[in-house]
N, C-alpha and C. Protein backbone atom coordinates (compact mmCIF):
# COMPACT_ATOMS: atom_id res chain seq x y z
N MET A 1 44.92 48.24 -64.90
CA MET A 1 43.96 48.58 -65.95
C MET A 1 42.76 49.31 -65.33
N GLY A 2 42.35 50.45 -65.90
CA GLY A 2 41.25 51.24 -65.36
C GLY A 2 39.90 50.60 -65.64
N GLN A 3 38.90 51.15 -64.97
CA GLN A 3 37.55 50.63 -65.16
C GLN A 3 37.05 50.97 -66.55
N ARG A 4 36.28 50.05 -67.13
CA ARG A 4 35.72 50.29 -68.46
C ARG A 4 34.43 51.08 -68.36
N THR A 5 34.26 52.01 -69.27
CA THR A 5 33.01 52.75 -69.34
C THR A 5 32.01 51.97 -70.17
N LEU A 6 30.76 52.41 -70.13
CA LEU A 6 29.73 51.78 -70.96
C LEU A 6 30.11 51.87 -72.43
N LYS A 7 30.66 53.00 -72.85
CA LYS A 7 31.09 53.14 -74.24
C LYS A 7 32.18 52.12 -74.58
N ASP A 8 33.15 51.95 -73.65
CA ASP A 8 34.23 50.96 -73.87
C ASP A 8 33.64 49.57 -74.07
N ILE A 9 32.65 49.22 -73.22
CA ILE A 9 32.04 47.89 -73.29
C ILE A 9 31.29 47.72 -74.61
N ARG A 10 30.58 48.78 -75.02
CA ARG A 10 29.83 48.73 -76.30
C ARG A 10 30.77 48.53 -77.47
N LEU A 11 31.86 49.31 -77.51
CA LEU A 11 32.81 49.19 -78.62
C LEU A 11 33.48 47.82 -78.63
N ALA A 12 33.81 47.31 -77.45
CA ALA A 12 34.45 45.99 -77.36
C ALA A 12 33.52 44.89 -77.86
N ALA A 13 32.21 45.13 -77.73
CA ALA A 13 31.23 44.14 -78.19
C ALA A 13 30.94 44.27 -79.69
N GLY A 14 31.58 45.24 -80.35
CA GLY A 14 31.44 45.37 -81.79
C GLY A 14 30.42 46.38 -82.25
N TRP A 15 29.83 47.13 -81.31
CA TRP A 15 28.83 48.15 -81.67
C TRP A 15 29.53 49.49 -81.79
N ARG A 16 29.88 49.90 -83.00
CA ARG A 16 30.56 51.17 -83.20
C ARG A 16 29.61 52.35 -83.06
N SER A 17 28.36 52.15 -83.39
CA SER A 17 27.38 53.24 -83.36
C SER A 17 26.50 53.15 -82.12
N ALA A 18 26.51 54.20 -81.30
CA ALA A 18 25.63 54.25 -80.13
C ALA A 18 24.17 54.27 -80.56
N ARG A 19 23.89 54.99 -81.65
CA ARG A 19 22.51 55.06 -82.15
C ARG A 19 22.00 53.68 -82.55
N ALA A 20 22.82 52.93 -83.31
CA ALA A 20 22.39 51.61 -83.76
C ALA A 20 22.16 50.68 -82.57
N PHE A 21 23.03 50.75 -81.55
CA PHE A 21 22.86 49.87 -80.40
C PHE A 21 21.61 50.24 -79.62
N ALA A 22 21.39 51.56 -79.42
CA ALA A 22 20.20 51.99 -78.69
C ALA A 22 18.92 51.51 -79.37
N GLU A 23 18.88 51.64 -80.69
CA GLU A 23 17.71 51.18 -81.43
C GLU A 23 17.56 49.66 -81.32
N HIS A 24 18.70 48.95 -81.28
CA HIS A 24 18.68 47.48 -81.18
C HIS A 24 18.05 47.02 -79.87
N VAL A 25 18.37 47.71 -78.78
CA VAL A 25 17.84 47.30 -77.47
C VAL A 25 16.53 48.00 -77.13
N GLY A 26 16.05 48.86 -78.04
CA GLY A 26 14.75 49.50 -77.84
C GLY A 26 14.75 50.63 -76.82
N ILE A 27 15.89 51.33 -76.71
CA ILE A 27 16.00 52.47 -75.81
C ILE A 27 16.10 53.74 -76.65
N PRO A 28 15.36 54.81 -76.31
CA PRO A 28 15.49 56.05 -77.07
C PRO A 28 16.95 56.50 -77.14
N VAL A 29 17.37 56.95 -78.32
CA VAL A 29 18.77 57.30 -78.52
C VAL A 29 19.22 58.37 -77.53
N SER A 30 18.38 59.38 -77.30
CA SER A 30 18.76 60.45 -76.38
C SER A 30 18.93 59.91 -74.96
N THR A 31 18.08 58.97 -74.57
CA THR A 31 18.19 58.37 -73.23
C THR A 31 19.47 57.55 -73.12
N TYR A 32 19.77 56.77 -74.17
CA TYR A 32 20.98 55.94 -74.11
C TYR A 32 22.24 56.81 -74.05
N SER A 33 22.22 57.94 -74.76
CA SER A 33 23.38 58.84 -74.72
C SER A 33 23.61 59.35 -73.30
N VAL A 34 22.53 59.62 -72.58
CA VAL A 34 22.67 60.03 -71.18
C VAL A 34 23.26 58.88 -70.35
N TYR A 35 22.83 57.66 -70.62
CA TYR A 35 23.36 56.50 -69.89
C TYR A 35 24.88 56.40 -70.05
N GLU A 36 25.39 56.65 -71.27
CA GLU A 36 26.84 56.54 -71.48
C GLU A 36 27.58 57.63 -70.71
N LYS A 37 26.96 58.78 -70.54
CA LYS A 37 27.60 59.85 -69.78
C LYS A 37 27.47 59.65 -68.28
N ASP A 38 26.34 59.06 -67.86
CA ASP A 38 26.05 58.90 -66.44
C ASP A 38 25.47 57.51 -66.20
N PRO A 39 26.33 56.48 -66.05
CA PRO A 39 25.84 55.11 -65.88
C PRO A 39 24.94 54.95 -64.66
N GLY A 40 25.10 55.82 -63.67
CA GLY A 40 24.28 55.71 -62.48
C GLY A 40 22.81 56.01 -62.73
N SER A 41 22.51 56.61 -63.89
CA SER A 41 21.12 56.95 -64.20
C SER A 41 20.38 55.81 -64.92
N ILE A 42 21.08 54.71 -65.22
CA ILE A 42 20.46 53.61 -65.97
C ILE A 42 19.42 52.91 -65.10
N ARG A 43 18.21 52.77 -65.61
CA ARG A 43 17.17 52.03 -64.92
C ARG A 43 17.53 50.55 -64.91
N LEU A 44 17.07 49.84 -63.88
CA LEU A 44 17.45 48.44 -63.72
C LEU A 44 17.02 47.59 -64.91
N ASP A 45 15.78 47.80 -65.39
CA ASP A 45 15.33 46.98 -66.53
C ASP A 45 16.16 47.27 -67.77
N ALA A 46 16.53 48.55 -67.97
CA ALA A 46 17.37 48.90 -69.12
C ALA A 46 18.77 48.32 -68.94
N ALA A 47 19.30 48.37 -67.71
CA ALA A 47 20.64 47.83 -67.44
C ALA A 47 20.69 46.34 -67.75
N ARG A 48 19.64 45.62 -67.40
CA ARG A 48 19.62 44.18 -67.68
C ARG A 48 19.63 43.92 -69.18
N SER A 49 18.86 44.71 -69.93
CA SER A 49 18.82 44.53 -71.39
C SER A 49 20.18 44.85 -72.01
N ILE A 50 20.77 45.96 -71.57
CA ILE A 50 22.07 46.37 -72.11
C ILE A 50 23.14 45.34 -71.78
N ALA A 51 23.17 44.89 -70.52
CA ALA A 51 24.18 43.91 -70.10
C ALA A 51 24.03 42.61 -70.88
N ARG A 52 22.78 42.18 -71.09
CA ARG A 52 22.55 40.94 -71.83
C ARG A 52 23.08 41.06 -73.26
N GLU A 53 22.84 42.19 -73.92
CA GLU A 53 23.27 42.35 -75.31
C GLU A 53 24.78 42.53 -75.43
N LEU A 54 25.41 43.15 -74.41
CA LEU A 54 26.85 43.42 -74.48
C LEU A 54 27.69 42.32 -73.85
N GLY A 55 27.02 41.33 -73.24
CA GLY A 55 27.76 40.22 -72.66
C GLY A 55 28.56 40.60 -71.42
N CYS A 56 27.99 41.48 -70.60
CA CYS A 56 28.67 41.88 -69.37
C CYS A 56 27.67 41.81 -68.22
N SER A 57 28.11 42.17 -67.04
CA SER A 57 27.22 42.17 -65.88
C SER A 57 26.64 43.57 -65.67
N VAL A 58 25.54 43.63 -64.93
CA VAL A 58 24.95 44.92 -64.57
C VAL A 58 25.95 45.73 -63.75
N ALA A 59 26.70 45.04 -62.90
CA ALA A 59 27.69 45.74 -62.07
C ALA A 59 28.75 46.43 -62.92
N GLU A 60 29.18 45.78 -64.00
CA GLU A 60 30.17 46.40 -64.89
C GLU A 60 29.65 47.69 -65.50
N LEU A 61 28.36 47.73 -65.81
CA LEU A 61 27.78 48.94 -66.39
C LEU A 61 27.91 50.11 -65.42
N ALA A 62 27.90 49.81 -64.14
CA ALA A 62 28.02 50.85 -63.12
C ALA A 62 29.48 51.21 -62.84
N GLY A 63 30.40 50.55 -63.53
CA GLY A 63 31.82 50.87 -63.38
C GLY A 63 32.60 49.93 -62.51
N ASP A 64 31.96 48.88 -61.98
CA ASP A 64 32.69 47.91 -61.17
C ASP A 64 33.57 47.05 -62.07
N PRO A 65 34.77 46.68 -61.63
CA PRO A 65 35.64 45.85 -62.47
C PRO A 65 35.03 44.48 -62.71
N ALA A 66 35.31 43.93 -63.87
CA ALA A 66 34.78 42.60 -64.20
C ALA A 66 35.48 41.53 -63.37
N PRO A 67 34.75 40.52 -62.92
CA PRO A 67 35.39 39.43 -62.17
C PRO A 67 36.29 38.62 -63.09
N ALA A 68 37.23 37.92 -62.48
CA ALA A 68 38.13 37.08 -63.27
C ALA A 68 37.29 36.07 -64.04
N PRO A 69 37.54 35.95 -65.33
CA PRO A 69 36.69 35.08 -66.15
C PRO A 69 36.88 33.61 -65.82
N ASP A 70 35.78 32.87 -65.81
CA ASP A 70 35.81 31.42 -65.65
C ASP A 70 36.15 30.83 -67.01
N PRO A 71 37.17 29.97 -67.09
CA PRO A 71 37.52 29.41 -68.40
C PRO A 71 36.38 28.66 -69.06
N GLY A 72 35.43 28.17 -68.28
CA GLY A 72 34.28 27.50 -68.84
C GLY A 72 34.53 26.03 -69.12
N PRO A 73 33.44 25.27 -69.33
CA PRO A 73 33.58 23.82 -69.51
C PRO A 73 34.34 23.44 -70.78
N VAL A 74 34.20 24.25 -71.85
CA VAL A 74 34.89 23.90 -73.09
C VAL A 74 36.40 23.99 -72.92
N GLN A 75 36.87 25.10 -72.32
CA GLN A 75 38.31 25.25 -72.12
C GLN A 75 38.83 24.20 -71.16
N ARG A 76 38.07 23.90 -70.10
CA ARG A 76 38.51 22.88 -69.16
C ARG A 76 38.60 21.50 -69.83
N ALA A 77 37.64 21.23 -70.73
CA ALA A 77 37.68 19.95 -71.45
C ALA A 77 38.89 19.89 -72.37
N TYR A 78 39.17 21.03 -73.04
CA TYR A 78 40.33 21.08 -73.95
C TYR A 78 41.63 20.86 -73.17
N ASP A 79 41.73 21.51 -72.02
CA ASP A 79 42.94 21.37 -71.21
C ASP A 79 43.16 19.93 -70.75
N GLY A 80 42.06 19.17 -70.65
CA GLY A 80 42.18 17.79 -70.20
C GLY A 80 42.50 16.81 -71.32
N LEU A 81 42.56 17.27 -72.57
CA LEU A 81 42.84 16.37 -73.69
C LEU A 81 44.32 16.04 -73.78
N GLY A 82 44.59 14.90 -74.41
CA GLY A 82 45.97 14.56 -74.72
C GLY A 82 46.40 15.25 -76.00
N ASP A 83 47.63 14.98 -76.43
CA ASP A 83 48.17 15.66 -77.62
C ASP A 83 47.32 15.39 -78.86
N ARG A 84 46.90 14.12 -79.07
CA ARG A 84 46.12 13.78 -80.25
C ARG A 84 44.74 14.44 -80.19
N GLY A 85 44.15 14.44 -79.01
CA GLY A 85 42.85 15.07 -78.87
C GLY A 85 42.91 16.56 -79.16
N ARG A 86 43.96 17.22 -78.67
CA ARG A 86 44.11 18.65 -78.94
C ARG A 86 44.34 18.92 -80.44
N GLU A 87 45.07 18.02 -81.08
CA GLU A 87 45.31 18.18 -82.51
C GLU A 87 44.00 18.14 -83.28
N LEU A 88 43.12 17.19 -82.93
CA LEU A 88 41.83 17.08 -83.59
C LEU A 88 40.94 18.29 -83.27
N ALA A 89 40.97 18.73 -82.00
CA ALA A 89 40.18 19.89 -81.62
C ALA A 89 40.65 21.14 -82.36
N ASP A 90 41.97 21.30 -82.50
CA ASP A 90 42.51 22.46 -83.21
C ASP A 90 42.08 22.46 -84.67
N ALA A 91 42.06 21.27 -85.29
CA ALA A 91 41.64 21.18 -86.68
C ALA A 91 40.17 21.57 -86.83
N PHE A 92 39.34 21.15 -85.87
CA PHE A 92 37.92 21.50 -85.91
C PHE A 92 37.73 23.00 -85.72
N LEU A 93 38.49 23.58 -84.78
CA LEU A 93 38.39 25.02 -84.54
C LEU A 93 38.83 25.82 -85.77
N LYS A 94 39.80 25.27 -86.49
CA LYS A 94 40.24 25.95 -87.72
C LYS A 94 39.11 25.98 -88.74
N LEU A 95 38.38 24.85 -88.86
CA LEU A 95 37.24 24.81 -89.78
C LEU A 95 36.16 25.82 -89.37
N LEU A 96 35.91 25.91 -88.06
CA LEU A 96 34.93 26.87 -87.58
C LEU A 96 35.37 28.30 -87.88
N GLY A 97 36.67 28.57 -87.71
CA GLY A 97 37.18 29.90 -88.02
C GLY A 97 37.03 30.25 -89.49
N GLU A 98 37.27 29.26 -90.36
CA GLU A 98 37.11 29.50 -91.79
C GLU A 98 35.65 29.78 -92.14
N ALA A 99 34.73 29.06 -91.47
CA ALA A 99 33.30 29.29 -91.71
C ALA A 99 32.90 30.68 -91.24
N GLU A 100 33.42 31.11 -90.10
CA GLU A 100 33.11 32.45 -89.58
C GLU A 100 33.68 33.53 -90.52
N ALA A 101 34.88 33.29 -91.05
CA ALA A 101 35.47 34.25 -91.97
C ALA A 101 34.64 34.36 -93.24
N ALA A 102 34.12 33.23 -93.71
CA ALA A 102 33.26 33.25 -94.90
C ALA A 102 31.98 34.03 -94.63
N ALA A 103 31.42 33.86 -93.41
CA ALA A 103 30.21 34.61 -93.05
C ALA A 103 30.50 36.09 -92.97
N ALA A 104 31.67 36.46 -92.46
CA ALA A 104 32.05 37.87 -92.38
C ALA A 104 32.20 38.47 -93.78
N ARG A 105 32.77 37.68 -94.69
CA ARG A 105 32.90 38.17 -96.08
C ARG A 105 31.52 38.39 -96.69
N GLU A 106 30.58 37.51 -96.35
CA GLU A 106 29.22 37.66 -96.88
C GLU A 106 28.57 38.94 -96.36
N ARG A 107 28.80 39.23 -95.05
CA ARG A 107 28.26 40.47 -94.50
C ARG A 107 28.90 41.68 -95.16
N GLY A 108 30.21 41.59 -95.43
CA GLY A 108 30.88 42.69 -96.12
C GLY A 108 30.35 42.89 -97.52
N PHE A 109 30.00 41.78 -98.18
CA PHE A 109 29.42 41.88 -99.52
C PHE A 109 28.09 42.63 -99.48
N GLY A 110 27.29 42.37 -98.43
CA GLY A 110 26.02 43.08 -98.30
C GLY A 110 26.21 44.57 -98.17
N ARG A 111 27.21 44.98 -97.38
CA ARG A 111 27.47 46.42 -97.23
C ARG A 111 27.97 47.02 -98.53
N ARG A 112 28.81 46.28 -99.24
CA ARG A 112 29.31 46.79 -100.53
C ARG A 112 28.18 46.91 -101.54
N ALA A 113 27.24 45.95 -101.49
CA ALA A 113 26.10 46.02 -102.40
C ALA A 113 25.26 47.27 -102.10
N TYR A 114 25.10 47.57 -100.81
CA TYR A 114 24.36 48.78 -100.43
C TYR A 114 25.11 50.03 -100.91
N ALA A 115 26.44 50.02 -100.78
CA ALA A 115 27.24 51.15 -101.24
C ALA A 115 27.11 51.33 -102.75
N CYS A 116 27.05 50.21 -103.49
CA CYS A 116 26.88 50.30 -104.94
C CYS A 116 25.52 50.94 -105.28
N GLY A 117 24.50 50.60 -104.50
CA GLY A 117 23.19 51.22 -104.72
C GLY A 117 23.23 52.71 -104.48
N LEU A 118 23.92 53.13 -103.41
CA LEU A 118 24.07 54.57 -103.15
C LEU A 118 24.86 55.24 -104.27
N PHE A 119 25.90 54.55 -104.74
CA PHE A 119 26.70 55.12 -105.83
C PHE A 119 25.84 55.38 -107.06
N GLU A 120 25.01 54.42 -107.43
CA GLU A 120 24.17 54.59 -108.62
C GLU A 120 23.24 55.78 -108.46
N ALA A 121 22.67 55.94 -107.26
CA ALA A 121 21.77 57.08 -107.02
C ALA A 121 22.55 58.39 -107.01
N TYR A 122 23.70 58.39 -106.35
CA TYR A 122 24.48 59.63 -106.22
C TYR A 122 25.06 60.08 -107.55
N ILE A 123 25.58 59.14 -108.34
CA ILE A 123 26.27 59.54 -109.57
C ILE A 123 25.31 60.15 -110.56
N ASP A 124 24.07 59.64 -110.61
CA ASP A 124 23.08 60.22 -111.54
C ASP A 124 22.74 61.64 -111.12
N ASP A 125 22.49 61.85 -109.82
CA ASP A 125 22.17 63.18 -109.34
C ASP A 125 23.36 64.13 -109.52
N PHE A 126 24.54 63.61 -109.27
CA PHE A 126 25.75 64.44 -109.38
C PHE A 126 25.95 64.92 -110.81
N ARG A 127 25.84 64.02 -111.75
CA ARG A 127 26.08 64.41 -113.15
C ARG A 127 24.97 65.30 -113.70
N ALA A 128 23.78 65.19 -113.11
CA ALA A 128 22.69 66.06 -113.54
C ALA A 128 22.90 67.49 -113.10
N SER A 129 23.73 67.68 -112.07
CA SER A 129 23.99 69.04 -111.57
C SER A 129 25.49 69.28 -111.46
N ARG A 130 26.25 68.76 -112.42
CA ARG A 130 27.71 68.80 -112.37
C ARG A 130 28.25 70.22 -112.26
N ASP A 131 27.61 71.17 -112.86
CA ASP A 131 28.14 72.52 -112.87
C ASP A 131 28.07 73.19 -111.50
N LEU A 132 27.38 72.59 -110.54
CA LEU A 132 27.27 73.18 -109.20
C LEU A 132 28.44 72.80 -108.30
N PHE A 133 29.30 71.88 -108.76
CA PHE A 133 30.36 71.37 -107.91
C PHE A 133 31.72 71.64 -108.52
N ASP A 134 32.60 72.22 -107.72
CA ASP A 134 33.94 72.55 -108.18
C ASP A 134 34.93 71.50 -107.69
N GLY A 135 35.95 71.25 -108.47
CA GLY A 135 36.99 70.31 -108.08
C GLY A 135 37.98 70.16 -109.21
N PRO A 136 39.20 69.68 -108.89
CA PRO A 136 40.21 69.53 -109.94
C PRO A 136 39.85 68.48 -110.99
N ASP A 137 38.98 67.54 -110.64
CA ASP A 137 38.55 66.52 -111.58
C ASP A 137 37.21 65.97 -111.12
N GLU A 138 36.60 65.14 -111.97
CA GLU A 138 35.27 64.63 -111.62
C GLU A 138 35.31 63.77 -110.36
N ARG A 139 36.36 62.97 -110.21
CA ARG A 139 36.41 62.08 -109.05
C ARG A 139 36.43 62.87 -107.74
N SER A 140 37.27 63.89 -107.69
CA SER A 140 37.33 64.70 -106.47
C SER A 140 36.00 65.39 -106.21
N SER A 141 35.38 65.89 -107.25
CA SER A 141 34.10 66.57 -107.09
C SER A 141 33.02 65.59 -106.64
N PHE A 142 33.02 64.38 -107.23
CA PHE A 142 32.01 63.39 -106.83
C PHE A 142 32.22 62.96 -105.39
N ARG A 143 33.48 62.79 -104.98
CA ARG A 143 33.74 62.39 -103.60
C ARG A 143 33.18 63.43 -102.63
N ALA A 144 33.42 64.71 -102.94
CA ALA A 144 32.89 65.78 -102.08
C ALA A 144 31.37 65.76 -102.07
N TYR A 145 30.77 65.48 -103.24
CA TYR A 145 29.30 65.42 -103.33
C TYR A 145 28.75 64.26 -102.50
N ALA A 146 29.37 63.07 -102.65
CA ALA A 146 28.90 61.89 -101.90
C ALA A 146 29.08 62.11 -100.40
N GLU A 147 30.18 62.73 -100.01
CA GLU A 147 30.42 63.00 -98.59
C GLU A 147 29.35 63.94 -98.05
N GLY A 148 28.96 64.92 -98.85
CA GLY A 148 27.91 65.84 -98.43
C GLY A 148 26.56 65.14 -98.29
N ARG A 149 26.26 64.23 -99.21
CA ARG A 149 24.99 63.49 -99.12
C ARG A 149 24.96 62.62 -97.87
N LEU A 150 26.06 61.94 -97.58
CA LEU A 150 26.13 61.10 -96.38
C LEU A 150 26.00 61.97 -95.12
N ARG A 151 26.67 63.12 -95.13
CA ARG A 151 26.60 64.01 -93.97
C ARG A 151 25.17 64.49 -93.74
N ALA A 152 24.49 64.88 -94.82
CA ALA A 152 23.11 65.36 -94.67
C ALA A 152 22.21 64.27 -94.10
N HIS A 153 22.44 63.03 -94.53
CA HIS A 153 21.61 61.92 -94.06
C HIS A 153 21.86 61.63 -92.58
N ARG A 154 23.15 61.60 -92.16
CA ARG A 154 23.44 61.25 -90.77
C ARG A 154 23.05 62.38 -89.81
N GLU A 155 22.98 63.62 -90.29
CA GLU A 155 22.62 64.73 -89.41
C GLU A 155 21.12 64.93 -89.32
N ALA A 156 20.38 64.39 -90.30
CA ALA A 156 18.94 64.65 -90.34
C ALA A 156 18.22 64.10 -89.12
N GLY A 157 18.47 62.84 -88.77
CA GLY A 157 17.77 62.22 -87.65
C GLY A 157 18.07 62.89 -86.32
N PRO A 158 19.37 63.04 -85.94
CA PRO A 158 19.67 63.71 -84.68
C PRO A 158 19.14 65.15 -84.61
N ASN A 159 19.22 65.87 -85.71
CA ASN A 159 18.72 67.24 -85.70
C ASN A 159 17.21 67.28 -85.51
N GLU A 160 16.52 66.33 -86.13
CA GLU A 160 15.06 66.27 -85.97
C GLU A 160 14.70 65.94 -84.52
N SER A 161 15.43 64.99 -83.92
CA SER A 161 15.18 64.65 -82.52
C SER A 161 15.47 65.83 -81.60
N TYR A 162 16.53 66.57 -81.92
CA TYR A 162 16.91 67.74 -81.12
C TYR A 162 15.82 68.80 -81.19
N ARG A 163 15.31 69.07 -82.38
CA ARG A 163 14.25 70.07 -82.52
C ARG A 163 12.98 69.63 -81.80
N ALA A 164 12.67 68.33 -81.88
CA ALA A 164 11.47 67.82 -81.20
C ALA A 164 11.62 67.95 -79.68
N ALA A 165 12.83 67.69 -79.18
CA ALA A 165 13.06 67.82 -77.74
C ALA A 165 12.92 69.27 -77.29
N LEU A 166 13.45 70.20 -78.09
CA LEU A 166 13.31 71.62 -77.76
C LEU A 166 11.84 72.02 -77.74
N GLU A 167 11.09 71.47 -78.67
CA GLU A 167 9.67 71.79 -78.72
C GLU A 167 8.96 71.29 -77.46
N ARG A 168 9.34 70.09 -76.98
CA ARG A 168 8.71 69.56 -75.77
C ARG A 168 9.04 70.40 -74.54
N LEU A 169 10.21 71.05 -74.56
CA LEU A 169 10.60 71.87 -73.43
C LEU A 169 9.70 73.10 -73.27
N ARG A 170 9.00 73.45 -74.35
CA ARG A 170 8.13 74.62 -74.28
C ARG A 170 6.83 74.33 -73.53
N ALA A 171 6.55 73.04 -73.30
CA ALA A 171 5.31 72.69 -72.59
C ALA A 171 5.39 73.16 -71.14
N PRO A 172 4.28 73.60 -70.58
CA PRO A 172 4.27 74.07 -69.19
C PRO A 172 4.78 72.98 -68.24
N GLY A 173 5.71 73.34 -67.38
CA GLY A 173 6.24 72.41 -66.38
C GLY A 173 7.25 71.42 -66.89
N ALA A 174 7.62 71.51 -68.16
CA ALA A 174 8.55 70.51 -68.72
C ALA A 174 9.92 70.57 -68.06
N LEU A 175 10.37 71.75 -67.70
CA LEU A 175 11.72 71.89 -67.14
C LEU A 175 11.80 71.46 -65.68
N ARG A 176 10.68 71.52 -64.96
CA ARG A 176 10.64 71.10 -63.55
C ARG A 176 11.74 71.78 -62.73
N GLY A 177 11.92 73.07 -62.97
CA GLY A 177 12.89 73.84 -62.20
C GLY A 177 14.31 73.81 -62.74
N ALA A 178 14.59 73.01 -63.77
CA ALA A 178 15.94 72.94 -64.34
C ALA A 178 16.23 74.20 -65.15
N ASP A 179 17.52 74.49 -65.29
CA ASP A 179 17.93 75.65 -66.08
C ASP A 179 17.78 75.33 -67.57
N ARG A 180 17.03 76.18 -68.28
CA ARG A 180 16.77 75.91 -69.69
C ARG A 180 18.06 75.84 -70.50
N ALA A 181 18.97 76.77 -70.26
CA ALA A 181 20.22 76.80 -71.04
C ALA A 181 21.02 75.52 -70.84
N GLU A 182 21.06 75.03 -69.61
CA GLU A 182 21.81 73.80 -69.33
C GLU A 182 21.17 72.60 -70.01
N VAL A 183 19.85 72.53 -69.97
CA VAL A 183 19.15 71.42 -70.61
C VAL A 183 19.37 71.45 -72.11
N GLU A 184 19.26 72.63 -72.71
CA GLU A 184 19.46 72.75 -74.16
C GLU A 184 20.89 72.40 -74.54
N ALA A 185 21.86 72.79 -73.71
CA ALA A 185 23.26 72.46 -74.00
C ALA A 185 23.48 70.95 -73.94
N GLU A 186 22.84 70.28 -72.97
CA GLU A 186 22.97 68.83 -72.86
C GLU A 186 22.34 68.13 -74.07
N LEU A 187 21.19 68.63 -74.49
CA LEU A 187 20.53 68.05 -75.68
C LEU A 187 21.42 68.22 -76.91
N ALA A 188 22.04 69.40 -77.02
CA ALA A 188 22.93 69.64 -78.16
C ALA A 188 24.13 68.70 -78.12
N ALA A 189 24.66 68.45 -76.91
CA ALA A 189 25.80 67.54 -76.78
C ALA A 189 25.41 66.12 -77.17
N ILE A 190 24.22 65.70 -76.78
CA ILE A 190 23.73 64.37 -77.16
C ILE A 190 23.59 64.27 -78.68
N ARG A 191 22.99 65.31 -79.29
CA ARG A 191 22.85 65.33 -80.75
C ARG A 191 24.21 65.22 -81.43
N ASP A 192 25.18 65.99 -80.96
CA ASP A 192 26.51 65.99 -81.58
C ASP A 192 27.20 64.63 -81.42
N ALA A 193 26.98 63.98 -80.27
CA ALA A 193 27.59 62.65 -80.06
C ALA A 193 27.00 61.63 -81.02
N GLU A 194 25.69 61.70 -81.25
CA GLU A 194 25.05 60.78 -82.20
C GLU A 194 25.61 60.97 -83.60
N ILE A 195 25.81 62.22 -83.97
CA ILE A 195 26.34 62.51 -85.31
C ILE A 195 27.77 61.99 -85.44
N ARG A 196 28.57 62.16 -84.38
CA ARG A 196 29.95 61.66 -84.43
C ARG A 196 29.99 60.15 -84.57
N ASP A 197 29.10 59.45 -83.84
CA ASP A 197 29.06 57.99 -83.96
C ASP A 197 28.73 57.56 -85.39
N ALA A 198 27.75 58.23 -85.99
CA ALA A 198 27.37 57.88 -87.37
C ALA A 198 28.48 58.23 -88.35
N GLU A 199 29.26 59.26 -88.04
CA GLU A 199 30.34 59.68 -88.93
C GLU A 199 31.37 58.57 -89.10
N GLU A 200 31.64 57.83 -88.02
CA GLU A 200 32.61 56.73 -88.10
C GLU A 200 32.16 55.69 -89.13
N GLU A 201 30.88 55.36 -89.12
CA GLU A 201 30.36 54.38 -90.07
C GLU A 201 30.37 54.93 -91.49
N ASP A 202 30.08 56.22 -91.64
CA ASP A 202 30.02 56.82 -92.97
C ASP A 202 31.38 56.89 -93.64
N GLU A 203 32.44 56.95 -92.84
CA GLU A 203 33.78 56.97 -93.42
C GLU A 203 34.03 55.70 -94.24
N GLY A 204 33.65 54.56 -93.66
CA GLY A 204 33.81 53.31 -94.40
C GLY A 204 32.87 53.23 -95.59
N MET A 205 31.65 53.73 -95.43
CA MET A 205 30.69 53.72 -96.53
C MET A 205 31.18 54.59 -97.69
N LEU A 206 31.78 55.73 -97.38
CA LEU A 206 32.29 56.61 -98.44
C LEU A 206 33.38 55.90 -99.24
N GLU A 207 34.25 55.18 -98.56
CA GLU A 207 35.30 54.46 -99.28
C GLU A 207 34.71 53.38 -100.18
N ASP A 208 33.65 52.70 -99.71
CA ASP A 208 32.99 51.69 -100.54
C ASP A 208 32.33 52.33 -101.76
N ILE A 209 31.74 53.51 -101.57
CA ILE A 209 31.13 54.22 -102.69
C ILE A 209 32.19 54.61 -103.72
N MET A 210 33.34 55.06 -103.24
CA MET A 210 34.41 55.45 -104.18
C MET A 210 35.00 54.23 -104.88
N ARG A 211 35.01 53.09 -104.22
CA ARG A 211 35.47 51.88 -104.91
C ARG A 211 34.49 51.52 -106.03
N ALA A 212 33.20 51.74 -105.77
CA ALA A 212 32.22 51.51 -106.83
C ALA A 212 32.42 52.51 -107.97
N TYR A 213 32.79 53.73 -107.64
CA TYR A 213 33.07 54.74 -108.67
C TYR A 213 34.25 54.32 -109.53
N ASP A 214 35.29 53.79 -108.89
CA ASP A 214 36.52 53.43 -109.61
C ASP A 214 36.40 52.13 -110.40
N ALA A 215 35.47 51.26 -109.98
CA ALA A 215 35.39 49.92 -110.59
C ALA A 215 35.24 49.97 -112.12
N PRO A 216 34.32 50.74 -112.69
CA PRO A 216 34.20 50.73 -114.16
C PRO A 216 35.46 51.20 -114.85
N ARG A 217 36.20 52.09 -114.18
CA ARG A 217 37.42 52.61 -114.79
C ARG A 217 38.53 51.59 -114.75
N ARG A 218 38.53 50.73 -113.71
CA ARG A 218 39.55 49.67 -113.68
C ARG A 218 39.29 48.62 -114.74
N LEU A 219 38.00 48.42 -115.06
CA LEU A 219 37.66 47.38 -116.03
C LEU A 219 37.78 47.87 -117.47
N SER A 220 37.79 49.19 -117.68
CA SER A 220 37.80 49.72 -119.05
C SER A 220 39.20 49.71 -119.62
């Protein structure tokens, strides 16, 4: 098995969006994007914060293989149980799993509620300007409209950061001898990576919005 990258570790920890994770740990998104491309550039204090949140070691962030996991006291205690003890432990773990599944459903409900709010806002705006959108039917046209609104929202932040970074490059001495074209290309790559990360999340949000669109029709 090959060495895991920082992106691999982030995804394995459940963080699909690099932007969301960077904001969570308090690191500028553009800086974190550089870290994923070049782990050797991670500052020690940032590496400690990232490792703590992702449940890995600082060494793993640098590309070193993870040490063999210690089963821990809980697993060792379970292994020492007899058949009846394991049966009781398994029943308790099943209850915990059911509680976790219920919590996950609750989180999913929150996202669906947010999607319903977006649907209500989008559908009113869409119908107010219906003649501007072409499609074989209203549903197809609305889907294209909602997809465009989501795209505009996810591109706004990275594009604004990109323009601000270009503006800072105009300051005297900002480049410190670096090639302007190379720096601008790297900034553009970081911006595009942020947009791609957000696109993954928007795909699920679009489906939730369309389920909200279809719901009244299923009930009618």
